[in-house]
């Protein structure tokens, strides 16, 4: 008996064995962050499915088809039957592809993680879109919303084609992506979050747009546990600005404090 041939690899980003495991996972998001179109997630408001949720008082203009006439007969007061509505979750992937992400293959790992989240969304019958930014100014690269298993090829093709480089700070990239995006759900931001800008403001803008924020900080080994000593000149790979230091140990203390706060 011959062994079954191996399946063709769908993408170099994720092994087929990992894809099989991702099929059993779903993104757990807050109920209130869903769009009006139908999907798998239960919304936090009344809807038109068959799953009963609660009662509320009748208000003028309500559809009398949802009045519970049995309660009305007993209490002589109309109550509305409420049902959970299944709504669609939109998964937004925002990938930092600026120059700093080239260090120690951080972008490669960020793209792999984006692919994993995208697959979970697609196989969970959610709408998945993606944005990648590098240079400040131009609109970010964009994958328009796609759904289902058929959308995996478009997702992988977009992520595999992301080109690194540029000086766009993460907060500017987030703001550019939000200008193009519509839909409520979750936003997964993958970045090293190394910026002098106000990341908190950008993350609040995501929340205000009706998207729950999942931030994944991707660091290389040399950034997680840097080894510096002596007098050094540090060069910003994006802005080319330099910083001369005479006590690396004091700088490491400040860096670790900032890193742990992110």
Protein backbone atom coordinates (compact mmCIF):
# COMPACT_ATOMS: atom_id res chain seq x y z
CA UNK A 1 0.00 0.00 0.00
CA UNK A 2 1.37 3.39 -1.00
CA UNK A 3 1.33 6.30 1.42
CA UNK A 4 -0.96 9.18 0.56
CA UNK A 5 0.93 12.00 -1.13
CA UNK A 6 1.53 15.14 0.90
CA UNK A 7 -0.79 18.05 0.21
CA UNK A 8 0.71 20.96 -1.69
CA UNK A 9 1.88 23.72 0.65
CA UNK A 10 -0.70 26.53 0.44
CA UNK A 11 1.72 29.24 1.54
CA UNK A 12 5.31 29.49 2.76
CA UNK A 13 4.01 31.56 5.68
CA UNK A 14 2.27 28.74 7.53
CA UNK A 15 2.79 24.98 7.40
CA UNK A 16 -0.23 22.86 6.45
CA UNK A 17 -0.15 21.20 9.87
CA UNK A 18 -0.52 24.61 11.52
CA UNK A 19 -3.36 25.53 9.15
CA UNK A 20 -5.19 22.38 10.26
CA UNK A 21 -4.94 23.54 13.88
CA UNK A 22 -6.07 27.07 13.01
CA UNK A 23 -9.28 25.66 11.54
CA UNK A 24 -10.37 24.78 15.08
CA UNK A 25 -9.66 28.25 16.51
CA UNK A 26 -11.82 31.38 16.49
CA UNK A 27 -11.19 35.01 17.43
CA UNK A 28 -13.01 35.81 20.67
CA UNK A 29 -14.19 39.42 20.45
CA UNK A 30 -16.61 41.60 22.40
CA UNK A 31 -20.18 41.19 21.24
CA UNK A 32 -20.86 44.88 20.73
CA UNK A 33 -18.19 45.24 18.03
CA UNK A 34 -20.04 43.62 15.12
CA UNK A 35 -21.43 44.86 11.84
CA UNK A 36 -25.08 44.73 10.84
CA UNK A 37 -24.67 42.06 8.17
CA UNK A 38 -25.28 38.50 9.26
CA UNK A 39 -22.51 36.27 10.61
CA UNK A 40 -21.69 33.90 13.45
CA UNK A 41 -21.29 36.31 16.38
CA UNK A 42 -24.10 37.22 18.75
CA UNK A 43 -24.64 40.94 18.94
CA UNK A 44 -25.35 42.86 22.12
CA UNK A 45 -28.70 44.13 20.83
CA UNK A 46 -32.03 42.63 19.90
CA UNK A 47 -32.33 41.00 16.53
CA UNK A 48 -34.39 38.69 14.38
CA UNK A 49 -32.96 35.23 14.99
CA UNK A 50 -34.89 32.42 16.72
CA UNK A 51 -32.83 32.48 19.94
CA UNK A 52 -34.81 34.18 22.71
CA UNK A 53 -32.90 36.77 24.74
CA UNK A 54 -35.13 38.82 27.07
CA UNK A 55 -38.27 40.96 27.49
CA UNK A 56 -38.71 44.71 27.57
CA UNK A 57 -41.62 47.10 27.84
CA UNK A 58 -43.54 47.90 24.69
CA UNK A 59 -42.84 51.35 23.20
CA UNK A 60 -44.87 53.23 20.64
CA UNK A 61 -43.84 52.19 17.15
CA UNK A 62 -42.65 48.68 18.10
CA UNK A 63 -43.58 45.77 15.82
CA UNK A 64 -46.63 44.15 17.46
CA UNK A 65 -45.61 40.79 15.99
CA UNK A 66 -43.07 40.53 18.83
CA UNK A 67 -45.54 41.27 21.63
CA UNK A 68 -45.87 38.33 24.05
CA UNK A 69 -49.66 38.00 24.07
CA UNK A 70 -49.63 35.38 26.85
CA UNK A 71 -48.03 37.89 29.24
CA UNK A 72 -50.41 40.58 28.00
CA UNK A 73 -53.40 38.36 28.82
CA UNK A 74 -52.12 37.80 32.37
CA UNK A 75 -50.84 41.31 33.21
CA UNK A 76 -52.84 43.43 30.80
CA UNK A 77 -49.57 45.10 29.84
CA UNK A 78 -47.63 44.57 26.58
CA UNK A 79 -44.07 43.24 26.68
CA UNK A 80 -41.76 42.77 23.69
CA UNK A 81 -39.89 39.51 23.13
CA UNK A 82 -36.22 40.10 22.29
CA UNK A 83 -34.00 37.76 20.31
CA UNK A 84 -30.25 37.60 19.87
CA UNK A 85 -29.10 38.66 16.43
CA UNK A 86 -26.21 36.92 14.78
CA UNK A 87 -23.97 39.50 13.18
CA UNK A 88 -20.78 39.62 11.22
CA UNK A 89 -17.36 40.32 12.71
CA UNK A 90 -14.85 42.23 10.61
CA UNK A 91 -11.20 41.27 11.22
CA UNK A 92 -8.76 44.04 10.26
CA UNK A 93 -5.06 43.21 10.04
CA UNK A 94 -2.66 46.20 10.26
CA UNK A 95 0.97 45.26 9.60
CA UNK A 96 3.90 47.59 10.29
CA UNK A 97 6.36 47.13 7.41
CA UNK A 98 8.62 50.09 8.20
CA UNK A 99 12.41 49.79 8.17
CA UNK A 100 12.69 48.91 11.87
CA UNK A 101 10.69 45.74 11.22
CA UNK A 102 13.50 44.39 9.02
CA UNK A 103 15.74 43.99 12.07
CA UNK A 104 16.11 40.33 13.09
CA UNK A 105 13.28 39.28 10.72
CA UNK A 106 10.53 40.90 12.78
CA UNK A 107 8.43 41.57 9.69
CA UNK A 108 8.55 37.90 8.70
CA UNK A 109 7.14 36.93 12.09
CA UNK A 110 4.53 39.71 11.99
CA UNK A 111 3.35 38.52 8.58
CA UNK A 112 3.09 34.93 9.85
CA UNK A 113 0.97 36.07 12.78
CA UNK A 114 -1.21 38.18 10.48
CA UNK A 115 -1.76 35.14 8.28
CA UNK A 116 -2.80 33.08 11.31
CA UNK A 117 -5.33 35.67 12.48
CA UNK A 118 -6.60 36.07 8.93
CA UNK A 119 -7.14 32.34 8.51
CA UNK A 120 -9.04 32.16 11.80
CA UNK A 121 -11.27 34.97 10.60
CA UNK A 122 -11.88 33.52 7.15
CA UNK A 123 -12.64 30.03 8.41
CA UNK A 124 -14.92 31.56 11.06
CA UNK A 125 -16.95 33.10 8.20
CA UNK A 126 -15.88 36.64 9.07
CA UNK A 127 -14.85 39.43 6.71
CA UNK A 128 -11.07 39.88 6.66
CA UNK A 129 -9.17 42.88 5.32
CA UNK A 130 -5.52 43.83 5.68
CA UNK A 131 -3.30 46.91 5.48
CA UNK A 132 0.49 47.20 5.37
CA UNK A 133 2.35 50.49 5.73
CA UNK A 134 6.00 51.48 5.40
CA UNK A 135 6.70 54.95 3.95
CA UNK A 136 4.98 57.94 5.49
CA UNK A 137 2.54 59.72 3.20
CA UNK A 138 1.34 57.16 0.62
CA UNK A 139 -1.78 55.16 1.33
CA UNK A 140 -1.00 51.77 2.88
CA UNK A 141 -1.09 48.59 0.84
CA UNK A 142 -4.57 47.17 1.07
CA UNK A 143 -6.35 43.84 0.85
CA UNK A 144 -10.06 44.49 0.35
CA UNK A 145 -12.48 42.48 2.49
CA UNK A 146 -12.71 38.80 1.62
CA UNK A 147 -14.55 35.89 3.21
CA UNK A 148 -14.46 32.12 3.48
CA UNK A 149 -11.87 29.56 2.49
CA UNK A 150 -11.76 31.04 -1.01
CA UNK A 151 -10.32 34.24 0.47
CA UNK A 152 -7.21 32.49 1.80
CA UNK A 153 -5.38 32.71 -1.54
CA UNK A 154 -5.90 36.49 -1.70
CA UNK A 155 -4.83 36.87 1.94
CA UNK A 156 -1.64 34.86 1.47
CA UNK A 157 -0.79 36.63 -1.81
CA UNK A 158 -1.14 40.05 -0.16
CA UNK A 159 0.92 39.16 2.91
CA UNK A 160 3.66 37.43 0.91
CA UNK A 161 4.00 40.56 -1.24
CA UNK A 162 4.57 43.06 1.58
CA UNK A 163 7.78 45.01 0.94
CA UNK A 164 9.68 46.29 4.00
CA UNK A 165 11.31 49.68 4.35
CA UNK A 166 10.35 53.28 4.96
CA UNK A 167 9.97 55.61 7.89
CA UNK A 168 6.23 55.55 8.66
CA UNK A 169 5.59 55.55 12.43
CA UNK A 170 3.04 53.04 13.61
CA UNK A 171 0.53 55.69 14.70
CA UNK A 172 0.53 57.24 11.21
CA UNK A 173 0.07 53.82 9.62
CA UNK A 174 -2.91 53.07 11.84
CA UNK A 175 -4.54 56.40 11.02
CA UNK A 176 -4.03 55.82 7.28
CA UNK A 177 -5.63 52.39 7.48
CA UNK A 178 -8.65 53.73 9.39
CA UNK A 179 -9.31 56.28 6.62
CA UNK A 180 -9.89 53.39 4.22
CA UNK A 181 -11.68 50.97 6.51
CA UNK A 182 -15.40 50.50 7.16
CA UNK A 183 -16.96 47.87 9.40
CA UNK A 184 -16.96 46.91 13.07
CA UNK A 185 -15.14 44.04 14.70
CA UNK A 186 -11.50 43.65 15.75
CA UNK A 187 -8.24 45.23 14.59
CA UNK A 188 -5.03 43.26 14.99
CA UNK A 189 -2.02 45.62 14.96
CA UNK A 190 1.36 43.92 14.46
CA UNK A 191 4.34 46.17 15.10
CA UNK A 192 7.42 46.66 17.24
CA UNK A 193 5.68 49.87 18.46
CA UNK A 194 9.02 51.67 18.46
CA UNK A 195 8.00 55.25 17.83
CA UNK A 196 8.30 58.70 19.37
CA UNK A 197 4.66 59.39 18.49
CA UNK A 198 1.44 58.96 20.45
CA UNK A 199 0.44 55.33 20.00
CA UNK A 200 -2.31 55.63 22.63
CA UNK A 201 -4.16 58.18 20.52
CA UNK A 202 -4.02 55.90 17.48
CA UNK A 203 -5.27 52.90 19.45
CA UNK A 204 -8.11 55.01 20.85
CA UNK A 205 -9.01 55.95 17.27
CA UNK A 206 -9.33 52.24 16.46
CA UNK A 207 -11.65 51.76 19.40
CA UNK A 208 -13.71 54.79 18.42
CA UNK A 209 -14.13 53.31 14.94
CA UNK A 210 -15.93 50.33 16.48
CA UNK A 211 -12.98 47.96 16.47
CA UNK A 212 -11.68 46.05 19.46
CA UNK A 213 -7.89 46.43 19.59
CA UNK A 214 -5.53 43.46 19.64
CA UNK A 215 -1.95 44.80 19.72
CA UNK A 216 0.93 42.35 19.19
CA UNK A 217 4.40 43.73 19.83
CA UNK A 218 6.96 41.86 17.73
CA UNK A 219 10.55 42.12 19.00
CA UNK A 220 13.75 40.48 17.89
CA UNK A 221 15.98 38.60 20.34
CA UNK A 222 18.41 41.52 20.44
CA UNK A 223 15.57 43.86 21.40
CA UNK A 224 14.03 41.59 23.99
CA UNK A 225 17.39 41.14 25.75
CA UNK A 226 19.89 43.68 24.34
CA UNK A 227 23.57 43.41 25.16
CA UNK A 228 25.30 46.78 25.11
CA UNK A 229 28.39 48.08 26.85
CA UNK A 230 30.81 50.98 26.70
CA UNK A 231 30.55 54.15 24.61
CA UNK A 232 28.31 53.76 21.58
CA UNK A 233 26.71 55.65 18.74
CA UNK A 234 23.18 54.44 17.98
CA UNK A 235 21.62 55.08 14.56
CA UNK A 236 17.87 55.15 13.93
CA UNK A 237 17.36 52.90 10.90
CA UNK A 238 14.33 54.93 9.75
CA UNK A 239 15.25 58.57 10.39
CA UNK A 240 19.07 58.09 10.35
CA UNK A 241 19.31 60.21 13.49
CA UNK A 242 22.18 59.34 15.82
CA UNK A 243 22.55 59.20 19.57
CA UNK A 244 25.93 59.07 21.31
CA UNK A 245 25.95 57.41 24.73
CA UNK A 246 28.67 57.03 27.33
CA UNK A 247 26.91 54.68 29.73
CA UNK A 248 25.13 51.83 28.00
CA UNK A 249 23.92 50.35 31.27
CA UNK A 250 21.93 53.43 32.22
CA UNK A 251 20.37 53.47 28.75
CA UNK A 252 19.41 49.81 29.08
CA UNK A 253 17.52 50.55 32.29
CA UNK A 254 15.50 53.26 30.51
CA UNK A 255 14.93 51.03 27.48
CA UNK A 256 13.68 48.12 29.57
CA UNK A 257 11.31 50.41 31.45
CA UNK A 258 9.88 51.74 28.18
CA UNK A 259 9.69 48.25 26.60
CA UNK A 260 7.83 46.77 29.56
CA UNK A 261 5.36 49.67 29.53
CA UNK A 262 4.37 49.03 25.89
